[in-house]
Each structure stands twice: as structure tokens, then as C-alpha cells.
Amino acid sequence: QVQLIESGGGLVQAGGSLRLSCAVSGGTLDYHVMGWFRQAPGEERKFVAVVNWIGDRTDYVDSVKGRFTISRYNAKNTAYLQMNNLKPEDTAAYYCAVQARLGAWHDIRSYDYWGQGTQVTVSA
């Protein structure tokens, strides 16, 4: 049973920073891609950031480019999302996800395992 445990969310003022962590346990699969998605109340879950297995390729939604950084530390089976210069528009539940098979990076349907979500709330 593969499990993804998220941590690092919380309340922060606009302009502040948070680092989200996603620890993967319970499985011995090849995780080709790890990504972060977010979902605001009443909205669809949307792509935020993605990183490949080696960690030398990343991509981001335009609204977070230059502010967010995704990375991974495979020795700990952990992915991170460093979020700087946070804005109220970033307020959402953030979910990490893993592709057990290679798939489209931005497509929610390509991800096989999901974390429970961690809430990020940014005040003005």
C-alpha cells in the first residue's frame, strides 16, 4: 500500500514563505514523476508543479513561476514545494501526487497515488 504523507501547510501573511513536504512510503515502485496540485473551495483541482525522477527537469503553472520551487530527495522518498512571496490567490488545499507509470506531466489522470492534502492560507 503506497501512502503519501504531506506536511508544512499553515497560515501565512502575503509575502511570506512555506515549504511543503511529501513523504512516500509503503511501496517499492519506480516513481517516474512527482507533482503538486492545488484546489481552492468551489474550484477544480489544478496543476501547480512537477519534477522528474532525476530532479533535473521541472515545470510550473505560469502563476507560480519565479515564486515556487519543486524538488525531490530520492534517498528519503520525499518531494518538496518551496513557496516564496505567497499571495492570497495561492490559498488552497495542496496535494502531492506520484505517477507509478510514465504519463503526461500536467494531467491529473496520469497520477496514481495522492496525499491527503495540506491547507495553505495566505492573508492579505
Protein backbone atom coordinates (compact mmCIF):
# COMPACT_ATOMS: atom_id res chain seq x y z
CA GLN A 1 0.00 0.00 0.00
CA VAL A 2 1.60 3.24 -1.17
CA GLN A 3 0.99 6.22 1.08
CA LEU A 4 1.86 9.89 0.62
CA ILE A 5 2.04 11.96 3.80
CA GLU A 6 2.02 15.73 3.40
CA SER A 7 3.13 18.38 5.87
CA GLY A 8 4.13 22.04 6.02
CA GLY A 9 0.87 23.87 5.34
CA GLY A 10 -0.43 26.64 7.55
CA LEU A 11 -1.36 30.29 7.85
CA VAL A 12 0.98 32.92 6.46
CA GLN A 13 0.83 36.61 5.58
CA ALA A 14 1.17 37.78 2.00
CA GLY A 15 4.84 37.87 1.03
CA GLY A 16 5.75 35.06 3.39
CA SER A 17 7.09 31.59 2.66
CA LEU A 18 6.21 27.97 3.34
CA ARG A 19 7.81 24.66 2.42
CA LEU A 20 5.57 21.68 1.82
CA SER A 21 6.88 18.13 2.16
CA CYS A 22 5.52 14.89 0.73
CA ALA A 23 6.95 11.61 2.05
CA VAL A 24 6.18 8.42 0.11
CA SER A 25 6.10 5.09 1.95
CA GLY A 26 4.71 1.58 1.74
CA GLY A 27 5.77 0.73 -1.81
CA THR A 28 8.80 -0.13 -3.93
CA LEU A 29 7.67 1.29 -7.26
CA ASP A 30 9.58 3.42 -9.74
CA TYR A 31 8.16 6.92 -9.32
CA HIS A 32 8.85 8.49 -12.68
CA VAL A 33 7.19 11.83 -11.93
CA MET A 34 6.08 13.61 -8.76
CA GLY A 35 3.81 16.62 -8.83
CA TRP A 36 1.88 19.14 -6.78
CA PHE A 37 -1.70 20.21 -7.39
CA ARG A 38 -3.98 22.61 -5.54
CA GLN A 39 -7.71 23.05 -5.10
CA ALA A 40 -9.48 26.17 -3.86
CA PRO A 41 -13.05 25.99 -2.49
CA GLY A 42 -15.57 25.52 -5.28
CA GLU A 43 -12.87 25.03 -7.92
CA GLU A 44 -11.31 22.14 -9.79
CA ARG A 45 -8.02 20.63 -8.70
CA LYS A 46 -5.30 22.20 -10.84
CA PHE A 47 -1.67 21.53 -11.73
CA VAL A 48 0.98 23.54 -9.86
CA ALA A 49 4.42 21.95 -10.31
CA VAL A 50 6.14 18.74 -11.43
CA VAL A 51 9.61 17.18 -11.24
CA ASN A 52 11.07 14.10 -12.95
CA TRP A 53 12.83 11.19 -11.21
CA ILE A 54 16.36 12.56 -11.52
CA GLY A 55 15.27 16.03 -10.48
CA ASP A 56 16.79 17.93 -13.39
CA ARG A 57 13.51 18.73 -15.18
CA THR A 58 10.69 20.79 -13.71
CA ASP A 59 7.65 22.70 -14.86
CA TYR A 60 5.20 25.10 -13.21
CA VAL A 61 1.90 26.77 -13.83
CA ASP A 62 2.55 30.33 -15.01
CA SER A 63 1.07 31.96 -11.91
CA VAL A 64 3.76 30.49 -9.60
CA LYS A 65 6.84 30.72 -11.82
CA GLY A 66 9.64 32.56 -10.07
CA ARG A 67 7.99 32.07 -6.67
CA PHE A 68 7.66 28.29 -6.21
CA THR A 69 10.37 25.63 -6.50
CA ILE A 70 9.74 21.89 -6.65
CA SER A 71 12.47 19.42 -5.73
CA ARG A 72 12.91 15.84 -4.59
CA TYR A 73 15.26 13.90 -2.33
CA ASN A 74 15.01 10.31 -3.50
CA ALA A 75 17.07 8.88 -0.63
CA LYS A 76 14.17 9.90 1.62
CA ASN A 77 11.43 9.30 -0.97
CA THR A 78 10.36 12.87 -0.39
CA ALA A 79 9.25 15.74 -2.61
CA TYR A 80 9.21 19.40 -1.60
CA LEU A 81 7.46 22.55 -2.72
CA GLN A 82 9.19 25.74 -1.60
CA MET A 83 6.71 28.60 -1.84
CA ASN A 84 8.02 32.16 -1.62
CA ASN A 85 6.30 35.53 -1.93
CA LEU A 86 2.94 33.94 -1.25
CA LYS A 87 -0.20 35.72 -2.40
CA PRO A 88 -3.83 35.42 -1.23
CA GLU A 89 -4.59 33.80 -4.59
CA ASP A 90 -2.36 30.88 -3.55
CA THR A 91 -4.81 29.92 -0.80
CA ALA A 92 -5.87 26.32 -1.42
CA ALA A 93 -5.53 22.74 -0.31
CA TYR A 94 -2.29 21.42 -1.77
CA TYR A 95 -1.91 17.79 -2.84
CA CYS A 96 1.21 15.87 -3.80
CA ALA A 97 0.92 13.02 -6.28
CA VAL A 98 3.04 10.29 -7.87
CA GLN A 99 2.96 8.60 -11.26
CA ALA A 100 3.53 4.84 -10.96
CA ARG A 101 3.69 4.81 -14.76
CA LEU A 102 5.11 7.45 -17.07
CA GLY A 103 2.33 9.81 -18.15
CA ALA A 104 1.52 13.37 -19.14
CA TRP A 105 3.02 15.75 -16.60
CA HIS A 106 0.10 18.17 -16.32
CA ASP A 107 -2.76 15.68 -16.49
CA ILE A 108 -4.37 14.81 -13.17
CA ARG A 109 -5.40 11.46 -14.65
CA SER A 110 -1.73 10.46 -15.04
CA TYR A 111 -1.16 10.35 -11.27
CA ASP A 112 -1.81 7.10 -9.41
CA TYR A 113 -1.22 7.98 -5.76
CA TRP A 114 -2.25 11.09 -3.83
CA GLY A 115 -1.56 12.69 -0.49
CA GLN A 116 -4.31 13.70 1.91
CA GLY A 117 -3.88 17.41 1.23
CA THR A 118 -2.42 20.20 3.34
CA GLN A 119 -4.10 23.59 3.69
CA VAL A 120 -2.25 26.78 2.77
CA THR A 121 -3.97 30.02 3.74
CA VAL A 122 -2.44 33.38 2.79
CA SER A 123 -3.82 36.55 4.38
CA ALA A 124 -3.60 39.99 2.78
